[in-house]
Protein backbone atom coordinates (compact mmCIF):
# COMPACT_ATOMS: atom_id res chain seq x y z
CA UNK A 1 155.36 117.80 77.26
CA UNK A 2 154.41 116.34 80.41
CA UNK A 3 153.54 112.58 80.80
CA UNK A 4 149.97 111.61 81.08
CA UNK A 5 150.75 108.45 83.01
CA UNK A 6 149.70 108.48 86.78
CA UNK A 7 152.92 108.79 88.93
CA UNK A 8 153.55 105.79 90.98
CA UNK A 9 155.06 106.73 94.32
CA UNK A 10 154.46 107.63 97.96
CA UNK A 11 151.95 110.47 97.04
CA UNK A 12 149.69 107.76 95.27
CA UNK A 13 149.91 105.40 98.33
CA UNK A 14 149.05 108.27 100.67
CA UNK A 15 146.07 109.39 98.57
CA UNK A 16 144.63 105.99 98.37
CA UNK A 17 145.02 105.43 102.10
CA UNK A 18 143.44 108.77 102.97
CA UNK A 19 140.46 107.92 100.70
CA UNK A 20 139.92 104.60 102.42
CA UNK A 21 140.18 106.20 105.90
CA UNK A 22 137.88 109.00 104.89
CA UNK A 23 135.34 106.56 103.58
CA UNK A 24 135.48 104.56 106.77
CA UNK A 25 135.22 107.52 108.95
CA UNK A 26 132.21 108.86 107.05
CA UNK A 27 130.60 105.43 107.34
CA UNK A 28 131.23 105.27 111.13
CA UNK A 29 129.93 108.85 111.54
CA UNK A 30 126.74 107.93 109.64
CA UNK A 31 126.43 104.68 111.65
CA UNK A 32 126.10 102.77 108.42
CA UNK A 33 127.86 99.72 109.84
CA UNK A 34 130.40 99.41 106.95
CA UNK A 35 133.44 101.19 108.41
CA UNK A 36 135.42 98.01 109.10
CA UNK A 37 134.33 96.48 105.78
CA UNK A 38 135.51 99.56 103.89
CA UNK A 39 138.95 99.43 105.43
CA UNK A 40 139.10 95.58 104.81
CA UNK A 41 138.04 96.02 101.25
CA UNK A 42 140.64 98.81 100.62
CA UNK A 43 143.57 96.70 101.99
CA UNK A 44 142.34 93.65 100.15
CA UNK A 45 142.03 95.58 96.84
CA UNK A 46 145.62 96.90 97.26
CA UNK A 47 147.04 93.43 98.07
CA UNK A 48 144.95 91.69 95.31
CA UNK A 49 145.67 94.34 92.66
CA UNK A 50 149.43 94.10 93.53
CA UNK A 51 149.51 90.43 93.21
CA UNK A 52 147.43 90.39 90.08
CA UNK A 53 149.51 93.15 88.34
CA UNK A 54 152.70 90.92 88.81
CA UNK A 55 150.84 87.87 87.55
CA UNK A 56 149.33 89.48 84.68
CA UNK A 57 152.83 90.91 83.79
CA UNK A 58 154.08 87.35 83.83
CA UNK A 59 151.48 85.77 81.68
CA UNK A 60 150.36 88.34 79.05
CA UNK A 61 152.82 86.94 76.55
CA UNK A 62 150.92 83.57 76.60
CA UNK A 63 147.54 83.25 75.02
CA UNK A 64 146.77 80.00 76.84
CA UNK A 65 147.74 81.36 80.32
CA UNK A 66 145.73 84.43 79.57
CA UNK A 67 142.71 82.28 78.72
CA UNK A 68 143.25 80.35 82.02
CA UNK A 69 143.34 83.64 84.01
CA UNK A 70 140.01 84.68 82.47
CA UNK A 71 138.55 81.44 83.63
CA UNK A 72 139.74 82.04 87.14
CA UNK A 73 137.99 85.49 86.98
CA UNK A 74 134.83 83.83 86.00
CA UNK A 75 135.12 81.35 88.92
CA UNK A 76 135.78 84.11 91.49
CA UNK A 77 132.91 86.18 90.06
CA UNK A 78 130.51 83.22 90.36
CA UNK A 79 131.65 82.52 93.86
CA UNK A 80 131.22 86.21 94.88
CA UNK A 81 127.78 86.33 93.17
CA UNK A 82 126.51 83.10 94.64
CA UNK A 83 127.31 84.43 98.23
CA UNK A 84 125.40 87.47 97.50
CA UNK A 85 122.24 85.69 96.18
CA UNK A 86 121.73 82.88 98.67
CA UNK A 87 123.44 80.93 101.38
CA UNK A 88 121.98 77.78 99.51
CA UNK A 89 124.38 75.75 97.53
CA UNK A 90 122.02 76.21 94.48
CA UNK A 91 123.61 79.81 94.18
CA UNK A 92 126.43 78.19 92.28
CA UNK A 93 124.10 78.35 89.36
CA UNK A 94 125.33 81.93 89.12
CA UNK A 95 128.33 80.66 87.09
CA UNK A 96 125.99 79.86 84.23
CA UNK A 97 125.05 83.68 83.51
CA UNK A 98 128.53 84.90 84.40
CA UNK A 99 130.18 82.52 81.90
CA UNK A 100 127.55 82.37 79.17
CA UNK A 101 127.16 85.99 78.63
CA UNK A 102 130.82 87.56 78.56
CA UNK A 103 133.03 84.56 77.29
CA UNK A 104 131.53 84.15 73.93
CA UNK A 105 131.51 87.98 73.37
CA UNK A 106 135.10 88.16 74.30
CA UNK A 107 136.01 85.22 72.00
CA UNK A 108 133.99 86.93 69.24
CA UNK A 109 135.86 90.18 69.56
CA UNK A 110 139.23 88.42 69.35
CA UNK A 111 138.14 86.31 66.32
CA UNK A 112 136.74 89.42 64.51
CA UNK A 113 140.05 91.27 65.13
CA UNK A 114 138.33 93.96 67.18
CA UNK A 115 140.48 92.97 70.12
CA UNK A 116 144.00 91.51 69.36
CA UNK A 117 144.78 88.05 70.50
CA UNK A 118 147.12 89.16 73.24
CA UNK A 119 146.74 88.88 77.04
CA UNK A 120 147.30 92.64 77.58
CA UNK A 121 144.14 93.27 75.49
CA UNK A 122 141.99 90.11 76.21
CA UNK A 123 142.27 90.15 80.07
CA UNK A 124 141.12 93.82 80.60
CA UNK A 125 138.18 93.49 78.17
CA UNK A 126 137.02 90.03 79.58
CA UNK A 127 137.58 91.59 83.18
CA UNK A 128 135.18 94.50 82.42
CA UNK A 129 132.49 92.28 80.89
CA UNK A 130 132.74 89.72 83.70
CA UNK A 131 132.69 92.36 86.49
CA UNK A 132 129.53 93.93 84.78
CA UNK A 133 127.81 90.56 84.52
CA UNK A 134 128.67 89.70 88.01
CA UNK A 135 127.06 92.75 89.43
CA UNK A 136 123.91 92.27 87.21
CA UNK A 137 123.56 88.61 88.12
CA UNK A 138 123.85 89.38 91.90
CA UNK A 139 121.27 92.04 91.73
CA UNK A 140 118.84 90.13 89.63
CA UNK A 141 119.00 86.97 91.85
CA UNK A 142 118.66 88.97 95.16
CA UNK A 143 115.89 91.20 93.80
CA UNK A 144 113.86 88.18 92.25
CA UNK A 145 114.26 86.06 95.36
CA UNK A 146 113.16 88.97 97.69
CA UNK A 147 110.20 89.74 95.29
CA UNK A 148 108.93 86.08 95.22
CA UNK A 149 109.22 85.82 99.04
CA UNK A 150 107.49 89.12 99.61
CA UNK A 151 104.59 88.27 97.20
CA UNK A 152 104.22 84.54 97.95
CA UNK A 153 100.55 84.98 98.26
CA UNK A 154 100.22 86.42 94.71
CA UNK A 155 102.38 83.44 93.38
CA UNK A 156 99.96 81.00 95.07
CA UNK A 157 96.96 82.81 93.67
CA UNK A 158 98.35 82.46 90.12
CA UNK A 159 99.05 78.90 90.72
CA UNK A 160 95.38 78.50 91.79
CA UNK A 161 94.30 79.97 88.47
CA UNK A 162 96.16 77.33 86.55
CA UNK A 163 99.46 78.97 85.98
CA UNK A 164 102.57 76.76 85.95
CA UNK A 165 105.12 77.35 88.67
CA UNK A 166 107.52 78.98 86.37
CA UNK A 167 105.03 81.12 84.71
CA UNK A 168 103.43 82.19 88.02
CA UNK A 169 106.82 83.20 89.35
CA UNK A 170 107.69 84.97 86.13
CA UNK A 171 104.58 87.23 86.41
CA UNK A 172 105.75 88.24 89.81
CA UNK A 173 109.44 88.57 89.46
CA UNK A 174 110.05 89.88 86.00
CA UNK A 175 109.75 93.65 86.68
CA UNK A 176 111.97 93.34 89.70
CA UNK A 177 114.77 91.42 87.94
CA UNK A 178 114.74 94.17 85.16
CA UNK A 179 115.77 96.70 87.81
CA UNK A 180 119.11 94.98 87.93
CA UNK A 181 119.89 96.69 84.56
CA UNK A 182 119.30 100.24 85.86
CA UNK A 183 122.96 100.81 86.86
CA UNK A 184 124.23 99.91 83.34
CA UNK A 185 121.40 101.88 81.67
CA UNK A 186 122.03 105.06 83.65
CA UNK A 187 125.74 104.79 83.00
CA UNK A 188 125.16 104.40 79.39
CA UNK A 189 122.75 107.39 79.25
CA UNK A 190 124.99 109.77 81.25
CA UNK A 191 128.45 108.78 79.83
CA UNK A 192 130.34 111.87 78.92
CA UNK A 193 127.84 114.08 80.91
CA UNK A 194 128.13 112.76 84.37
CA UNK A 195 130.90 110.26 84.38
CA UNK A 196 134.02 109.35 82.24
CA UNK A 197 134.23 105.54 82.85
CA UNK A 198 137.39 103.59 83.35
CA UNK A 199 138.13 102.50 79.80
CA UNK A 200 137.91 106.12 78.58
CA UNK A 201 140.18 107.36 81.13
CA UNK A 202 142.58 104.50 80.92
CA UNK A 203 143.11 104.98 77.25
CA UNK A 204 143.65 108.68 77.69
CA UNK A 205 146.28 108.08 80.28
CA UNK A 206 147.84 105.51 77.90
CA UNK A 207 148.23 108.03 75.20
CA UNK A 208 145.23 107.41 72.99
CA UNK A 209 143.46 110.27 71.37
CA UNK A 210 140.03 111.38 72.90
CA UNK A 211 138.28 110.09 69.77
CA UNK A 212 140.08 106.63 70.10
CA UNK A 213 139.20 106.52 73.81
CA UNK A 214 135.55 107.46 73.12
CA UNK A 215 135.17 104.71 70.43
CA UNK A 216 136.43 102.04 72.77
CA UNK A 217 134.44 103.17 75.67
CA UNK A 218 131.17 103.24 73.39
CA UNK A 219 131.93 99.58 72.46
CA UNK A 220 132.42 98.64 76.11
CA UNK A 221 129.21 100.23 77.22
CA UNK A 222 127.21 98.60 74.51
CA UNK A 223 128.75 95.17 75.04
CA UNK A 224 128.10 95.54 78.95
CA UNK A 225 124.41 96.24 78.24
CA UNK A 226 124.23 93.13 76.03
CA UNK A 227 125.96 90.67 78.43
CA UNK A 228 124.19 92.07 81.51
CA UNK A 229 120.92 91.71 79.80
CA UNK A 230 121.68 88.13 78.96
CA UNK A 231 122.76 87.40 82.54
CA UNK A 232 119.61 89.04 84.01
CA UNK A 233 117.43 87.05 81.89
CA UNK A 234 119.22 83.67 82.67
CA UNK A 235 119.20 84.44 86.36
CA UNK A 236 115.49 85.24 86.16
CA UNK A 237 114.95 81.90 84.48
CA UNK A 238 117.01 80.04 87.07
CA UNK A 239 115.20 81.50 89.97
CA UNK A 240 111.61 81.04 88.46
CA UNK A 241 112.45 77.50 87.64
CA UNK A 242 113.46 76.88 91.25
CA UNK A 243 117.06 76.01 90.30
CA UNK A 244 118.34 78.89 92.50
CA UNK A 245 116.55 79.37 95.78
CA UNK A 246 117.04 80.06 99.43
CA UNK A 247 116.99 77.59 102.26
CA UNK A 248 113.62 76.74 103.82
CA UNK A 249 112.92 78.83 106.92
CA UNK A 250 114.54 77.18 109.97
CA UNK A 251 116.87 75.18 107.92
CA UNK A 252 120.64 75.06 108.96
């Protein structure tokens, strides 16, 4: 019986390097302007994953250290999302949806016994939820701000009709913010038919049965939809209340 675990060795390193170089070459050929960023992202991912793998191996035995690592993940996700949304310092409000959505869900999973209270289980589950929430928060923030800027005249028209600033912004931005959930919805609709997501594949490689892997993947997808919906709703509120905004035109 052969092992189902991916073999770590030179072949894996060569395959990864070739994948990055192929992506960069295609981006350059298509003049997408992302060739250098692709190589940088690949190298950075390799270095970060190597360091994080060693770190997680050292802390998974401690619940407190694992919890601290999850908080670091939230901080990095908030920093990344804030940079994507706006250069204004108000982008740091992104930490609210990124923390409020996945952290209570992760805690509830541990308390209910669905996820064992050990780092090797808590860190991956929290990471999946935080990563999905980061993406949804970034998309919602960018789309909402873009929509309000492009349709500023309609916002002002609503204000002239007696709408409060928040309500006027909501009328314009709500449909656009909802588009941030399209990736999660599509992934959930097509799971098993188009894609086999990471949790499913990871459990199969770890020796779980297809039924066990499918059950865990279903839980992950449902939870991702829940936390991303909360994150999008919170980001929409933050933008429409003026708490997240872009610098005035011409400001440094």
